[in-house]
Amino acid sequence: MMIDTGSTATILRKEVFSFLKDFLPVVRIGRLGGIGSVTEAPVVRMDGLRVGSLIISGLEAYVVDVGAIGEGGAGSVSGVFGMSLLRHMPPLHVDFNAKTVRFG
């Protein structure tokens, strides 16, 4: 997953959703805005999402193609942790030298 503090939404890659679709109900079609564009996408509800020791229920995520995120790097991105998820998390610590991200 990629962390994006500039994104209001949490995003799940379409390919990941295809493996999890039996467990993630589509609750609506939503409108997701980006730089200069708006896309309609299915919105799924995640109950019991575990991030470290924290379990979050009722989180909605947009299912989109994240291939445009970056040349060569998008293949490893399962989705985007946006502010809809990050606001439930403890403080975020980024250590650029160690190349680590830690919550709490």
Foldseek 3Di string as FASTA:
>chain_A
DAEDAPAQAWAFEQVVCVVVVVPWDFPDWDWGDDVPDIDTFTKTFDAQDDDPPDTDGGGIYGYDHCVVVDPPPSVPDRIYDYNSNVVPFADWDADPVVRDIDTD
